[in-house]
Amino acid sequence: MILQALITGLILFFVYRILAKTDAATTEIEGEISWWMCVVIVFIGLFMVDMVNIAAASFLFPGWVELLLALGILFIFPFIVFNQLMSFSAAKALKYSGFVIPMVVLTQFFVFVVGSGIQGMPR
């Protein structure tokens, strides 16, 4: 999970840098996103998803409920961080937090494919 959070955080850092260059015309005072903040946002989001999935599985919730909870956490947690802690506007926080879910899904797929390839290699 730490490697996935590091890869996802670094990808998000570069995406956010590109978005910041396109939004450079705004005059609002907002926080600047560094690479370690992206990694922490993803790591804490993934950790919260794991904890909620454990709780949902212990209460025998269906899989679609766990998926909705996971997607909600991965969207709402970064939005709160960007909007409340970094003083981003709501529109900018929505735009920035919208990139978290696709990047987490892509890196999760990458981690599964590489992990299964490494485990299935002949010795």
PDB file of N, CA and C in Angstrom:
ATOM      1  N   MET A   1       0.825  -1.186   0.000  1.00  0.00           N
ATOM      2  CA  MET A   1       0.000   0.000   0.000  1.00  0.00           C
ATOM      3  C   MET A   1       0.873   1.255   0.000  1.00  0.00           C
ATOM      4  N   ILE A   2       2.027   1.189   0.643  1.00  0.00           N
ATOM      5  CA  ILE A   2       2.894   2.360   0.695  1.00  0.00           C
ATOM      6  C   ILE A   2       3.481   2.647  -0.683  1.00  0.00           C
ATOM      7  N   LEU A   3       3.889   1.600  -1.396  1.00  0.00           N
ATOM      8  CA  LEU A   3       4.424   1.798  -2.738  1.00  0.00           C
ATOM      9  C   LEU A   3       3.350   2.362  -3.669  1.00  0.00           C
ATOM     10  N   GLN A   4       2.148   1.843  -3.561  1.00  0.00           N
ATOM     11  CA  GLN A   4       1.050   2.364  -4.385  1.00  0.00           C
ATOM     12  C   GLN A   4       0.765   3.818  -4.051  1.00  0.00           C
ATOM     13  N   ALA A   5       0.779   4.175  -2.769  1.00  0.00           N
ATOM     14  CA  ALA A   5       0.537   5.566  -2.378  1.00  0.00           C
ATOM     15  C   ALA A   5       1.651   6.467  -2.896  1.00  0.00           C
ATOM     16  N   LEU A   6       2.888   5.988  -2.876  1.00  0.00           N
ATOM     17  CA  LEU A   6       4.010   6.784  -3.377  1.00  0.00           C
ATOM     18  C   LEU A   6       3.894   7.011  -4.880  1.00  0.00           C
ATOM     19  N   ILE A   7       3.598   5.956  -5.626  1.00  0.00           N
ATOM     20  CA  ILE A   7       3.461   6.093  -7.083  1.00  0.00           C
ATOM     21  C   ILE A   7       2.285   7.003  -7.429  1.00  0.00           C
ATOM     22  N   THR A   8       1.145   6.773  -6.804  1.00  0.00           N
ATOM     23  CA  THR A   8      -0.041   7.588  -7.066  1.00  0.00           C
ATOM     24  C   THR A   8       0.185   9.032  -6.660  1.00  0.00           C
ATOM     25  N   GLY A   9       0.817   9.257  -5.515  1.00  0.00           N
ATOM     26  CA  GLY A   9       1.084  10.611  -5.052  1.00  0.00           C
ATOM     27  C   GLY A   9       1.989  11.370  -5.994  1.00  0.00           C
ATOM     28  N   LEU A  10       3.022  10.716  -6.511  1.00  0.00           N
ATOM     29  CA  LEU A  10       3.923  11.393  -7.442  1.00  0.00           C
ATOM     30  C   LEU A  10       3.230  11.702  -8.773  1.00  0.00           C
ATOM     31  N   ILE A  11       2.404  10.780  -9.244  1.00  0.00           N
ATOM     32  CA  ILE A  11       1.642  11.053 -10.472  1.00  0.00           C
ATOM     33  C   ILE A  11       0.693  12.229 -10.247  1.00  0.00           C
ATOM     34  N   LEU A  12      -0.002  12.219  -9.110  1.00  0.00           N
ATOM     35  CA  LEU A  12      -0.916  13.331  -8.811  1.00  0.00           C
ATOM     36  C   LEU A  12      -0.166  14.649  -8.658  1.00  0.00           C
ATOM     37  N   PHE A  13       1.037  14.607  -8.100  1.00  0.00           N
ATOM     38  CA  PHE A  13       1.834  15.822  -7.959  1.00  0.00           C
ATOM     39  C   PHE A  13       2.104  16.452  -9.324  1.00  0.00           C
ATOM     40  N   PHE A  14       2.475  15.640 -10.310  1.00  0.00           N
ATOM     41  CA  PHE A  14       2.733  16.180 -11.641  1.00  0.00           C
ATOM     42  C   PHE A  14       1.447  16.653 -12.320  1.00  0.00           C
ATOM     43  N   VAL A  15       0.346  15.939 -12.098  1.00  0.00           N
ATOM     44  CA  VAL A  15      -0.948  16.383 -12.645  1.00  0.00           C
ATOM     45  C   VAL A  15      -1.332  17.728 -12.024  1.00  0.00           C
ATOM     46  N   TYR A  16      -1.150  17.849 -10.703  1.00  0.00           N
ATOM     47  CA  TYR A  16      -1.497  19.101 -10.028  1.00  0.00           C
ATOM     48  C   TYR A  16      -0.592  20.243 -10.455  1.00  0.00           C
ATOM     49  N   ARG A  17       0.660  19.956 -10.764  1.00  0.00           N
ATOM     50  CA  ARG A  17       1.551  21.008 -11.259  1.00  0.00           C
ATOM     51  C   ARG A  17       1.080  21.529 -12.616  1.00  0.00           C
ATOM     52  N   ILE A  18       0.626  20.623 -13.472  1.00  0.00           N
ATOM     53  CA  ILE A  18       0.103  21.032 -14.778  1.00  0.00           C
ATOM     54  C   ILE A  18      -1.164  21.859 -14.591  1.00  0.00           C
ATOM     55  N   LEU A  19      -2.046  21.416 -13.688  1.00  0.00           N
ATOM     56  CA  LEU A  19      -3.270  22.176 -13.430  1.00  0.00           C
ATOM     57  C   LEU A  19      -2.958  23.538 -12.818  1.00  0.00           C
ATOM     58  N   ALA A  20      -1.935  23.619 -11.979  1.00  0.00           N
ATOM     59  CA  ALA A  20      -1.583  24.889 -11.355  1.00  0.00           C
ATOM     60  C   ALA A  20      -1.067  25.884 -12.388  1.00  0.00           C
ATOM     61  N   LYS A  21      -0.381  25.388 -13.403  1.00  0.00           N
ATOM     62  CA  LYS A  21       0.103  26.286 -14.460  1.00  0.00           C
ATOM     63  C   LYS A  21      -1.051  26.827 -15.291  1.00  0.00           C
ATOM     64  N   THR A  22      -2.101  26.011 -15.478  1.00  0.00           N
ATOM     65  CA  THR A  22      -3.250  26.498 -16.238  1.00  0.00           C
ATOM     66  C   THR A  22      -4.111  27.442 -15.406  1.00  0.00           C
ATOM     67  N   ASP A  23      -4.064  27.290 -14.069  1.00  0.00           N
ATOM     68  CA  ASP A  23      -4.833  28.153 -13.176  1.00  0.00           C
ATOM     69  C   ASP A  23      -4.013  29.314 -12.630  1.00  0.00           C
ATOM     70  N   ALA A  24      -2.884  29.623 -13.248  1.00  0.00           N
ATOM     71  CA  ALA A  24      -1.977  30.645 -12.714  1.00  0.00           C
ATOM     72  C   ALA A  24      -2.576  32.043 -12.767  1.00  0.00           C
ATOM     73  N   ALA A  25      -3.627  32.232 -13.537  1.00  0.00           N
ATOM     74  CA  ALA A  25      -4.206  33.566 -13.683  1.00  0.00           C
ATOM     75  C   ALA A  25      -5.064  33.971 -12.484  1.00  0.00           C
ATOM     76  N   THR A  26      -5.396  33.036 -11.610  1.00  0.00           N
ATOM     77  CA  THR A  26      -6.223  33.387 -10.462  1.00  0.00           C
ATOM     78  C   THR A  26      -5.415  34.178  -9.450  1.00  0.00           C
ATOM     79  N   THR A  27      -6.083  35.072  -8.745  1.00  0.00           N
ATOM     80  CA  THR A  27      -5.393  35.918  -7.780  1.00  0.00           C
ATOM     81  C   THR A  27      -5.697  35.521  -6.342  1.00  0.00           C
ATOM     82  N   GLU A  28      -6.388  34.400  -6.156  1.00  0.00           N
ATOM     83  CA  GLU A  28      -6.727  33.966  -4.807  1.00  0.00           C
ATOM     84  C   GLU A  28      -5.477  33.450  -4.093  1.00  0.00           C
ATOM     85  N   ILE A  29      -5.452  33.639  -2.793  1.00  0.00           N
ATOM     86  CA  ILE A  29      -4.356  33.111  -1.995  1.00  0.00           C
ATOM     87  C   ILE A  29      -4.705  31.676  -1.623  1.00  0.00           C
ATOM     88  N   GLU A  30      -3.923  30.750  -2.130  1.00  0.00           N
ATOM     89  CA  GLU A  30      -4.172  29.338  -1.899  1.00  0.00           C
ATOM     90  C   GLU A  30      -2.859  28.659  -1.548  1.00  0.00           C
ATOM     91  N   GLY A  31      -2.973  27.506  -0.909  1.00  0.00           N
ATOM     92  CA  GLY A  31      -1.785  26.746  -0.561  1.00  0.00           C
ATOM     93  C   GLY A  31      -1.160  26.102  -1.786  1.00  0.00           C
ATOM     94  N   GLU A  32       0.098  25.749  -1.652  1.00  0.00           N
ATOM     95  CA  GLU A  32       0.793  25.067  -2.732  1.00  0.00           C
ATOM     96  C   GLU A  32       0.921  23.594  -2.371  1.00  0.00           C
ATOM     97  N   ILE A  33       0.693  22.735  -3.330  1.00  0.00           N
ATOM     98  CA  ILE A  33       0.721  21.293  -3.093  1.00  0.00           C
ATOM     99  C   ILE A  33       2.138  20.790  -3.355  1.00  0.00           C
ATOM    100  N   SER A  34       2.708  20.094  -2.383  1.00  0.00           N
ATOM    101  CA  SER A  34       4.020  19.482  -2.576  1.00  0.00           C
ATOM    102  C   SER A  34       3.845  17.968  -2.775  1.00  0.00           C
ATOM    103  N   TRP A  35       4.925  17.307  -3.151  1.00  0.00           N
ATOM    104  CA  TRP A  35       4.823  15.882  -3.477  1.00  0.00           C
ATOM    105  C   TRP A  35       4.463  15.048  -2.256  1.00  0.00           C
ATOM    106  N   TRP A  36       4.979  15.394  -1.106  1.00  0.00           N
ATOM    107  CA  TRP A  36       4.700  14.582   0.081  1.00  0.00           C
ATOM    108  C   TRP A  36       3.253  14.750   0.534  1.00  0.00           C
ATOM    109  N   MET A  37       2.649  15.918   0.264  1.00  0.00           N
ATOM    110  CA  MET A  37       1.231  16.096   0.601  1.00  0.00           C
ATOM    111  C   MET A  37       0.359  15.192  -0.264  1.00  0.00           C
ATOM    112  N   CYS A  38       0.722  15.064  -1.535  1.00  0.00           N
ATOM    113  CA  CYS A  38      -0.028  14.162  -2.418  1.00  0.00           C
ATOM    114  C   CYS A  38       0.080  12.714  -1.935  1.00  0.00           C
ATOM    115  N   VAL A  39       1.284  12.310  -1.532  1.00  0.00           N
ATOM    116  CA  VAL A  39       1.487  10.944  -1.047  1.00  0.00           C
ATOM    117  C   VAL A  39       0.687  10.713   0.235  1.00  0.00           C
ATOM    118  N   VAL A  40       0.694  11.686   1.141  1.00  0.00           N
ATOM    119  CA  VAL A  40      -0.033  11.540   2.398  1.00  0.00           C
ATOM    120  C   VAL A  40      -1.539  11.492   2.166  1.00  0.00           C
ATOM    121  N   ILE A  41      -2.037  12.324   1.262  1.00  0.00           N
ATOM    122  CA  ILE A  41      -3.469  12.316   0.955  1.00  0.00           C
ATOM    123  C   ILE A  41      -3.890  10.952   0.426  1.00  0.00           C
ATOM    124  N   VAL A  42      -3.101  10.391  -0.490  1.00  0.00           N
ATOM    125  CA  VAL A  42      -3.437   9.084  -1.055  1.00  0.00           C
ATOM    126  C   VAL A  42      -3.277   7.992   0.000  1.00  0.00           C
ATOM    127  N   PHE A  43      -2.205   8.031   0.783  1.00  0.00           N
ATOM    128  CA  PHE A  43      -1.970   6.987   1.779  1.00  0.00           C
ATOM    129  C   PHE A  43      -3.076   6.976   2.832  1.00  0.00           C
ATOM    130  N   ILE A  44      -3.429   8.130   3.359  1.00  0.00           N
ATOM    131  CA  ILE A  44      -4.481   8.179   4.374  1.00  0.00           C
ATOM    132  C   ILE A  44      -5.824   7.776   3.773  1.00  0.00           C
ATOM    133  N   GLY A  45      -6.080   8.200   2.532  1.00  0.00           N
ATOM    134  CA  GLY A  45      -7.316   7.779   1.864  1.00  0.00           C
ATOM    135  C   GLY A  45      -7.383   6.274   1.685  1.00  0.00           C
ATOM    136  N   LEU A  46      -6.284   5.648   1.248  1.00  0.00           N
ATOM    137  CA  LEU A  46      -6.269   4.195   1.084  1.00  0.00           C
ATOM    138  C   LEU A  46      -6.382   3.476   2.427  1.00  0.00           C
ATOM    139  N   PHE A  47      -5.747   4.028   3.445  1.00  0.00           N
ATOM    140  CA  PHE A  47      -5.847   3.426   4.773  1.00  0.00           C
ATOM    141  C   PHE A  47      -7.290   3.495   5.283  1.00  0.00           C
ATOM    142  N   MET A  48      -7.947   4.639   5.089  1.00  0.00           N
ATOM    143  CA  MET A  48      -9.342   4.768   5.513  1.00  0.00           C
ATOM    144  C   MET A  48     -10.242   3.822   4.727  1.00  0.00           C
ATOM    145  N   VAL A  49      -9.963   3.635   3.436  1.00  0.00           N
ATOM    146  CA  VAL A  49     -10.741   2.693   2.625  1.00  0.00           C
ATOM    147  C   VAL A  49     -10.566   1.278   3.156  1.00  0.00           C
ATOM    148  N   ASP A  50      -9.339   0.893   3.497  1.00  0.00           N
ATOM    149  CA  ASP A  50      -9.117  -0.441   4.049  1.00  0.00           C
ATOM    150  C   ASP A  50      -9.865  -0.643   5.362  1.00  0.00           C
ATOM    151  N   MET A  51      -9.828   0.351   6.230  1.00  0.00           N
ATOM    152  CA  MET A  51     -10.511   0.226   7.519  1.00  0.00           C
ATOM    153  C   MET A  51     -12.034   0.140   7.344  1.00  0.00           C
ATOM    154  N   VAL A  52     -12.587   0.936   6.434  1.00  0.00           N
ATOM    155  CA  VAL A  52     -14.034   0.894   6.181  1.00  0.00           C
ATOM    156  C   VAL A  52     -14.419  -0.438   5.530  1.00  0.00           C
ATOM    157  N   ASN A  53     -13.562  -0.957   4.639  1.00  0.00           N
ATOM    158  CA  ASN A  53     -13.862  -2.246   4.015  1.00  0.00           C
ATOM    159  C   ASN A  53     -13.836  -3.381   5.031  1.00  0.00           C
ATOM    160  N   ILE A  54     -12.917  -3.313   5.988  1.00  0.00           N
ATOM    161  CA  ILE A  54     -12.893  -4.330   7.046  1.00  0.00           C
ATOM    162  C   ILE A  54     -14.176  -4.256   7.873  1.00  0.00           C
ATOM    163  N   ALA A  55     -14.590  -3.045   8.221  1.00  0.00           N
ATOM    164  CA  ALA A  55     -15.822  -2.890   8.993  1.00  0.00           C
ATOM    165  C   ALA A  55     -17.037  -3.329   8.187  1.00  0.00           C
ATOM    166  N   ALA A  56     -17.080  -2.972   6.907  1.00  0.00           N
ATOM    167  CA  ALA A  56     -18.220  -3.349   6.072  1.00  0.00           C
ATOM    168  C   ALA A  56     -18.275  -4.860   5.873  1.00  0.00           C
ATOM    169  N   ALA A  57     -17.126  -5.490   5.735  1.00  0.00           N
ATOM    170  CA  ALA A  57     -17.107  -6.945   5.576  1.00  0.00           C
ATOM    171  C   ALA A  57     -17.533  -7.643   6.861  1.00  0.00           C
ATOM    172  N   SER A  58     -17.183  -7.066   8.004  1.00  0.00           N
ATOM    173  CA  SER A  58     -17.591  -7.702   9.262  1.00  0.00           C
ATOM    174  C   SER A  58     -19.094  -7.577   9.495  1.00  0.00           C
ATOM    175  N   PHE A  59     -19.707  -6.543   8.917  1.00  0.00           N
ATOM    176  CA  PHE A  59     -21.160  -6.394   9.014  1.00  0.00           C
ATOM    177  C   PHE A  59     -21.886  -7.049   7.837  1.00  0.00           C
ATOM    178  N   LEU A  60     -21.133  -7.751   6.982  1.00  0.00           N
ATOM    179  CA  LEU A  60     -21.664  -8.495   5.834  1.00  0.00           C
ATOM    180  C   LEU A  60     -22.408  -7.606   4.842  1.00  0.00           C
ATOM    181  N   PHE A  61     -21.871  -6.399   4.597  1.00  0.00           N
ATOM    182  CA  PHE A  61     -22.438  -5.540   3.567  1.00  0.00           C
ATOM    183  C   PHE A  61     -22.105  -6.123   2.199  1.00  0.00           C
ATOM    184  N   PRO A  62     -22.963  -5.890   1.201  1.00  0.00           N
ATOM    185  CA  PRO A  62     -22.643  -6.361  -0.149  1.00  0.00           C
ATOM    186  C   PRO A  62     -21.437  -5.615  -0.728  1.00  0.00           C
ATOM    187  N   GLY A  63     -20.849  -6.180  -1.766  1.00  0.00           N
ATOM    188  CA  GLY A  63     -19.656  -5.603  -2.378  1.00  0.00           C
ATOM    189  C   GLY A  63     -19.877  -4.228  -2.973  1.00  0.00           C
ATOM    190  N   TRP A  64     -21.073  -3.986  -3.510  1.00  0.00           N
ATOM    191  CA  TRP A  64     -21.320  -2.677  -4.120  1.00  0.00           C
ATOM    192  C   TRP A  64     -21.365  -1.578  -3.067  1.00  0.00           C
ATOM    193  N   VAL A  65     -21.772  -1.905  -1.852  1.00  0.00           N
ATOM    194  CA  VAL A  65     -21.770  -0.911  -0.775  1.00  0.00           C
ATOM    195  C   VAL A  65     -20.340  -0.561  -0.399  1.00  0.00           C
ATOM    196  N   GLU A  66     -19.471  -1.579  -0.332  1.00  0.00           N
ATOM    197  CA  GLU A  66     -18.064  -1.325  -0.036  1.00  0.00           C
ATOM    198  C   GLU A  66     -17.420  -0.476  -1.122  1.00  0.00           C
ATOM    199  N   LEU A  67     -17.782  -0.753  -2.382  1.00  0.00           N
ATOM    200  CA  LEU A  67     -17.228   0.038  -3.488  1.00  0.00           C
ATOM    201  C   LEU A  67     -17.688   1.488  -3.416  1.00  0.00           C
ATOM    202  N   LEU A  68     -18.952   1.709  -3.136  1.00  0.00           N
ATOM    203  CA  LEU A  68     -19.453   3.081  -3.005  1.00  0.00           C
ATOM    204  C   LEU A  68     -18.804   3.813  -1.832  1.00  0.00           C
ATOM    205  N   LEU A  69     -18.610   3.124  -0.726  1.00  0.00           N
ATOM    206  CA  LEU A  69     -17.929   3.739   0.417  1.00  0.00           C
ATOM    207  C   LEU A  69     -16.485   4.091   0.071  1.00  0.00           C
ATOM    208  N   ALA A  70     -15.810   3.192  -0.634  1.00  0.00           N
ATOM    209  CA  ALA A  70     -14.419   3.449  -1.012  1.00  0.00           C
ATOM    210  C   ALA A  70     -14.311   4.642  -1.954  1.00  0.00           C
ATOM    211  N   LEU A  71     -15.181   4.695  -2.957  1.00  0.00           N
ATOM    212  CA  LEU A  71     -15.143   5.819  -3.899  1.00  0.00           C
ATOM    213  C   LEU A  71     -15.507   7.128  -3.208  1.00  0.00           C
ATOM    214  N   GLY A  72     -16.460   7.061  -2.289  1.00  0.00           N
ATOM    215  CA  GLY A  72     -16.823   8.265  -1.537  1.00  0.00           C
ATOM    216  C   GLY A  72     -15.679   8.781  -0.683  1.00  0.00           C
ATOM    217  N   ILE A  73     -14.990   7.868  -0.007  1.00  0.00           N
ATOM    218  CA  ILE A  73     -13.862   8.282   0.821  1.00  0.00           C
ATOM    219  C   ILE A  73     -12.745   8.859  -0.032  1.00  0.00           C
ATOM    220  N   LEU A  74     -12.445   8.209  -1.159  1.00  0.00           N
ATOM    221  CA  LEU A  74     -11.356   8.685  -2.013  1.00  0.00           C
ATOM    222  C   LEU A  74     -11.689  10.000  -2.707  1.00  0.00           C
ATOM    223  N   PHE A  75     -12.953  10.407  -2.708  1.00  0.00           N
ATOM    224  CA  PHE A  75     -13.307  11.707  -3.269  1.00  0.00           C
ATOM    225  C   PHE A  75     -13.491  12.762  -2.180  1.00  0.00           C
ATOM    226  N   ILE A  76     -14.160  12.402  -1.106  1.00  0.00           N
ATOM    227  CA  ILE A  76     -14.489  13.393  -0.070  1.00  0.00           C
ATOM    228  C   ILE A  76     -13.269  13.788   0.756  1.00  0.00           C
ATOM    229  N   PHE A  77     -12.404  12.822   1.109  1.00  0.00           N
ATOM    230  CA  PHE A  77     -11.240  13.167   1.931  1.00  0.00           C
ATOM    231  C   PHE A  77     -10.316  14.177   1.250  1.00  0.00           C
ATOM    232  N   PRO A  78      -9.908  13.977  -0.022  1.00  0.00           N
ATOM    233  CA  PRO A  78      -9.078  15.014  -0.657  1.00  0.00           C
ATOM    234  C   PRO A  78      -9.810  16.349  -0.817  1.00  0.00           C
ATOM    235  N   PHE A  79     -11.128  16.297  -1.062  1.00  0.00           N
ATOM    236  CA  PHE A  79     -11.881  17.544  -1.179  1.00  0.00           C
ATOM    237  C   PHE A  79     -11.828  18.341   0.119  1.00  0.00           C
ATOM    238  N   ILE A  80     -11.993  17.657   1.247  1.00  0.00           N
ATOM    239  CA  ILE A  80     -11.928  18.349   2.539  1.00  0.00           C
ATOM    240  C   ILE A  80     -10.533  18.914   2.776  1.00  0.00           C
ATOM    241  N   VAL A  81      -9.516  18.144   2.425  1.00  0.00           N
ATOM    242  CA  VAL A  81      -8.140  18.635   2.613  1.00  0.00           C
ATOM    243  C   VAL A  81      -7.896  19.867   1.762  1.00  0.00           C
ATOM    244  N   PHE A  82      -8.275  19.808   0.495  1.00  0.00           N
ATOM    245  CA  PHE A  82      -8.019  20.944  -0.396  1.00  0.00           C
ATOM    246  C   PHE A  82      -8.874  22.150  -0.035  1.00  0.00           C
ATOM    247  N   ASN A  83     -10.128  21.928   0.285  1.00  0.00           N
ATOM    248  CA  ASN A  83     -11.043  23.034   0.528  1.00  0.00           C
ATOM    249  C   ASN A  83     -10.826  23.661   1.903  1.00  0.00           C
ATOM    250  N   GLN A  84     -10.720  22.857   2.931  1.00  0.00           N
ATOM    251  CA  GLN A  84     -10.656  23.389   4.287  1.00  0.00           C
ATOM    252  C   GLN A  84      -9.229  23.666   4.750  1.00  0.00           C
ATOM    253  N   LEU A  85      -8.332  22.738   4.537  1.00  0.00           N
ATOM    254  CA  LEU A  85      -6.986  22.900   5.069  1.00  0.00           C
ATOM    255  C   LEU A  85      -6.079  23.757   4.188  1.00  0.00           C
ATOM    256  N   MET A  86      -6.300  23.718   2.871  1.00  0.00           N
ATOM    257  CA  MET A  86      -5.424  24.467   1.972  1.00  0.00           C
ATOM    258  C   MET A  86      -6.099  25.698   1.387  1.00  0.00           C
ATOM    259  N   SER A  87      -7.324  25.976   1.783  1.00  0.00           N
ATOM    260  CA  SER A  87      -8.076  27.172   1.390  1.00  0.00           C
ATOM    261  C   SER A  87      -8.275  27.289  -0.121  1.00  0.00           C
ATOM    262  N   PHE A  88      -8.459  26.168  -0.786  1.00  0.00           N
ATOM    263  CA  PHE A  88      -8.806  26.212  -2.199  1.00  0.00           C
ATOM    264  C   PHE A  88     -10.280  26.554  -2.321  1.00  0.00           C
ATOM    265  N   SER A  89     -10.653  27.132  -3.457  1.00  0.00           N
ATOM    266  CA  SER A  89     -12.071  27.365  -3.705  1.00  0.00           C
ATOM    267  C   SER A  89     -12.754  26.014  -3.922  1.00  0.00           C
ATOM    268  N   ALA A  90     -14.068  25.994  -3.789  1.00  0.00           N
ATOM    269  CA  ALA A  90     -14.798  24.729  -3.913  1.00  0.00           C
ATOM    270  C   ALA A  90     -14.656  24.139  -5.315  1.00  0.00           C
ATOM    271  N   ALA A  91     -14.678  24.991  -6.324  1.00  0.00           N
ATOM    272  CA  ALA A  91     -14.553  24.492  -7.698  1.00  0.00           C
ATOM    273  C   ALA A  91     -13.170  23.890  -7.939  1.00  0.00           C
ATOM    274  N   LYS A  92     -12.143  24.560  -7.442  1.00  0.00           N
ATOM    275  CA  LYS A  92     -10.788  24.051  -7.633  1.00  0.00           C
ATOM    276  C   LYS A  92     -10.563  22.785  -6.814  1.00  0.00           C
ATOM    277  N   ALA A  93     -11.125  22.727  -5.607  1.00  0.00           N
ATOM    278  CA  ALA A  93     -10.997  21.523  -4.783  1.00  0.00           C
ATOM    279  C   ALA A  93     -11.721  20.349  -5.433  1.00  0.00           C
ATOM    280  N   LEU A  94     -12.881  20.593  -6.041  1.00  0.00           N
ATOM    281  CA  LEU A  94     -13.592  19.533  -6.761  1.00  0.00           C
ATOM    282  C   LEU A  94     -12.772  19.033  -7.941  1.00  0.00           C
ATOM    283  N   LYS A  95     -12.170  19.970  -8.670  1.00  0.00           N
ATOM    284  CA  LYS A  95     -11.369  19.588  -9.830  1.00  0.00           C
ATOM    285  C   LYS A  95     -10.152  18.774  -9.403  1.00  0.00           C
ATOM    286  N   TYR A  96      -9.479  19.200  -8.343  1.00  0.00           N
ATOM    287  CA  TYR A  96      -8.277  18.500  -7.897  1.00  0.00           C
ATOM    288  C   TYR A  96      -8.610  17.151  -7.270  1.00  0.00           C
ATOM    289  N   SER A  97      -9.688  17.080  -6.498  1.00  0.00           N
ATOM    290  CA  SER A  97     -10.026  15.805  -5.866  1.00  0.00           C
ATOM    291  C   SER A  97     -10.613  14.815  -6.868  1.00  0.00           C
ATOM    292  N   GLY A  98     -11.096  15.295  -8.000  1.00  0.00           N
ATOM    293  CA  GLY A  98     -11.613  14.403  -9.030  1.00  0.00           C
ATOM    294  C   GLY A  98     -10.543  13.562  -9.697  1.00  0.00           C
ATOM    295  N   PHE A  99      -9.279  13.966  -9.589  1.00  0.00           N
ATOM    296  CA  PHE A  99      -8.190  13.198 -10.194  1.00  0.00           C
ATOM    297  C   PHE A  99      -7.704  12.063  -9.302  1.00  0.00           C
ATOM    298  N   VAL A 100      -8.097  12.041  -8.044  1.00  0.00           N
ATOM    299  CA  VAL A 100      -7.580  11.037  -7.119  1.00  0.00           C
ATOM    300  C   VAL A 100      -8.094   9.644  -7.483  1.00  0.00           C
ATOM    301  N   ILE A 101      -9.383   9.505  -7.720  1.00  0.00           N
ATOM    302  CA  ILE A 101      -9.969   8.187  -7.981  1.00  0.00           C
ATOM    303  C   ILE A 101      -9.398   7.536  -9.246  1.00  0.00           C
ATOM    304  N   PRO A 102      -9.332   8.229 -10.394  1.00  0.00           N
ATOM    305  CA  PRO A 102      -8.753   7.562 -11.579  1.00  0.00           C
ATOM    306  C   PRO A 102      -7.288   7.167 -11.387  1.00  0.00           C
ATOM    307  N   MET A 103      -6.515   8.007 -10.708  1.00  0.00           N
ATOM    308  CA  MET A 103      -5.111   7.670 -10.498  1.00  0.00           C
ATOM    309  C   MET A 103      -4.952   6.479  -9.554  1.00  0.00           C
ATOM    310  N   VAL A 104      -5.777   6.400  -8.518  1.00  0.00           N
ATOM    311  CA  VAL A 104      -5.712   5.259  -7.595  1.00  0.00           C
ATOM    312  C   VAL A 104      -6.102   3.980  -8.325  1.00  0.00           C
ATOM    313  N   VAL A 105      -7.123   4.040  -9.167  1.00  0.00           N
ATOM    314  CA  VAL A 105      -7.545   2.857  -9.914  1.00  0.00           C
ATOM    315  C   VAL A 105      -6.453   2.412 -10.879  1.00  0.00           C
ATOM    316  N   LEU A 106      -5.836   3.363 -11.583  1.00  0.00           N
ATOM    317  CA  LEU A 106      -4.769   3.010 -12.527  1.00  0.00           C
ATOM    318  C   LEU A 106      -3.567   2.398 -11.822  1.00  0.00           C
ATOM    319  N   THR A 107      -3.151   2.990 -10.722  1.00  0.00           N
ATOM    320  CA  THR A 107      -1.992   2.426 -10.028  1.00  0.00           C
ATOM    321  C   THR A 107      -2.341   1.110  -9.334  1.00  0.00           C
ATOM    322  N   GLN A 108      -3.582   0.956  -8.889  1.00  0.00           N
ATOM    323  CA  GLN A 108      -3.994  -0.331  -8.312  1.00  0.00           C
ATOM    324  C   GLN A 108      -3.915  -1.422  -9.370  1.00  0.00           C
ATOM    325  N   PHE A 109      -4.367  -1.117 -10.578  1.00  0.00           N
ATOM    326  CA  PHE A 109      -4.268  -2.074 -11.680  1.00  0.00           C
ATOM    327  C   PHE A 109      -2.811  -2.388 -11.968  1.00  0.00           C
ATOM    328  N   PHE A 110      -1.956  -1.357 -12.003  1.00  0.00           N
ATOM    329  CA  PHE A 110      -0.532  -1.548 -12.258  1.00  0.00           C
ATOM    330  C   PHE A 110       0.105  -2.421 -11.180  1.00  0.00           C
ATOM    331  N   VAL A 111      -0.216  -2.166  -9.931  1.00  0.00           N
ATOM    332  CA  VAL A 111       0.352  -2.950  -8.825  1.00  0.00           C
ATOM    333  C   VAL A 111      -0.112  -4.405  -8.911  1.00  0.00           C
ATOM    334  N   PHE A 112      -1.378  -4.642  -9.261  1.00  0.00           N
ATOM    335  CA  PHE A 112      -1.863  -6.016  -9.395  1.00  0.00           C
ATOM    336  C   PHE A 112      -1.187  -6.741 -10.548  1.00  0.00           C
ATOM    337  N   VAL A 113      -1.041  -6.071 -11.692  1.00  0.00           N
ATOM    338  CA  VAL A 113      -0.439  -6.714 -12.858  1.00  0.00           C
ATOM    339  C   VAL A 113       1.028  -7.022 -12.602  1.00  0.00           C
ATOM    340  N   VAL A 114       1.767  -6.066 -12.074  1.00  0.00           N
ATOM    341  CA  VAL A 114       3.183  -6.300 -11.809  1.00  0.00           C
ATOM    342  C   VAL A 114       3.351  -7.328 -10.692  1.00  0.00           C
ATOM    343  N   GLY A 115       2.528  -7.242  -9.665  1.00  0.00           N
ATOM    344  CA  GLY A 115       2.613  -8.191  -8.567  1.00  0.00           C
ATOM    345  C   GLY A 115       2.296  -9.612  -8.999  1.00  0.00           C
ATOM    346  N   SER A 116       1.299  -9.776  -9.850  1.00  0.00           N
ATOM    347  CA  SER A 116       0.966 -11.112 -10.304  1.00  0.00           C
ATOM    348  C   SER A 116       2.017 -11.635 -11.267  1.00  0.00           C
ATOM    349  N   GLY A 117       2.637 -10.759 -12.036  1.00  0.00           N
ATOM    350  CA  GLY A 117       3.721 -11.185 -12.933  1.00  0.00           C
ATOM    351  C   GLY A 117       4.950 -11.605 -12.168  1.00  0.00           C
ATOM    352  N   ILE A 118       5.242 -10.917 -11.071  1.00  0.00           N
ATOM    353  CA  ILE A 118       6.417 -11.284 -10.284  1.00  0.00           C
ATOM    354  C   ILE A 118       6.182 -12.610  -9.556  1.00  0.00           C
ATOM    355  N   GLN A 119       4.980 -12.809  -9.051  1.00  0.00           N
ATOM    356  CA  GLN A 119       4.706 -14.050  -8.320  1.00  0.00           C
ATOM    357  C   GLN A 119       4.595 -15.250  -9.250  1.00  0.00           C
ATOM    358  N   GLY A 120       4.207 -15.014 -10.498  1.00  0.00           N
ATOM    359  CA  GLY A 120       4.026 -16.129 -11.428  1.00  0.00           C
ATOM    360  C   GLY A 120       5.266 -16.453 -12.230  1.00  0.00           C
ATOM    361  N   MET A 121       6.396 -15.782 -11.994  1.00  0.00           N
ATOM    362  CA  MET A 121       7.611 -16.044 -12.757  1.00  0.00           C
ATOM    363  C   MET A 121       8.235 -17.359 -12.327  1.00  0.00           C
ATOM    364  N   PRO A 122       8.718 -18.140 -13.294  1.00  0.00           N
ATOM    365  CA  PRO A 122       9.395 -19.401 -12.923  1.00  0.00           C
ATOM    366  C   PRO A 122      10.749 -19.104 -12.282  1.00  0.00           C
ATOM    367  N   ARG A 123      11.163 -20.003 -11.452  1.00  0.00           N
ATOM    368  CA  ARG A 123      12.449 -19.800 -10.750  1.00  0.00           C
ATOM    369  C   ARG A 123      13.558 -20.544 -11.419  1.00  0.00           C
TER     370      ARG A 123
END
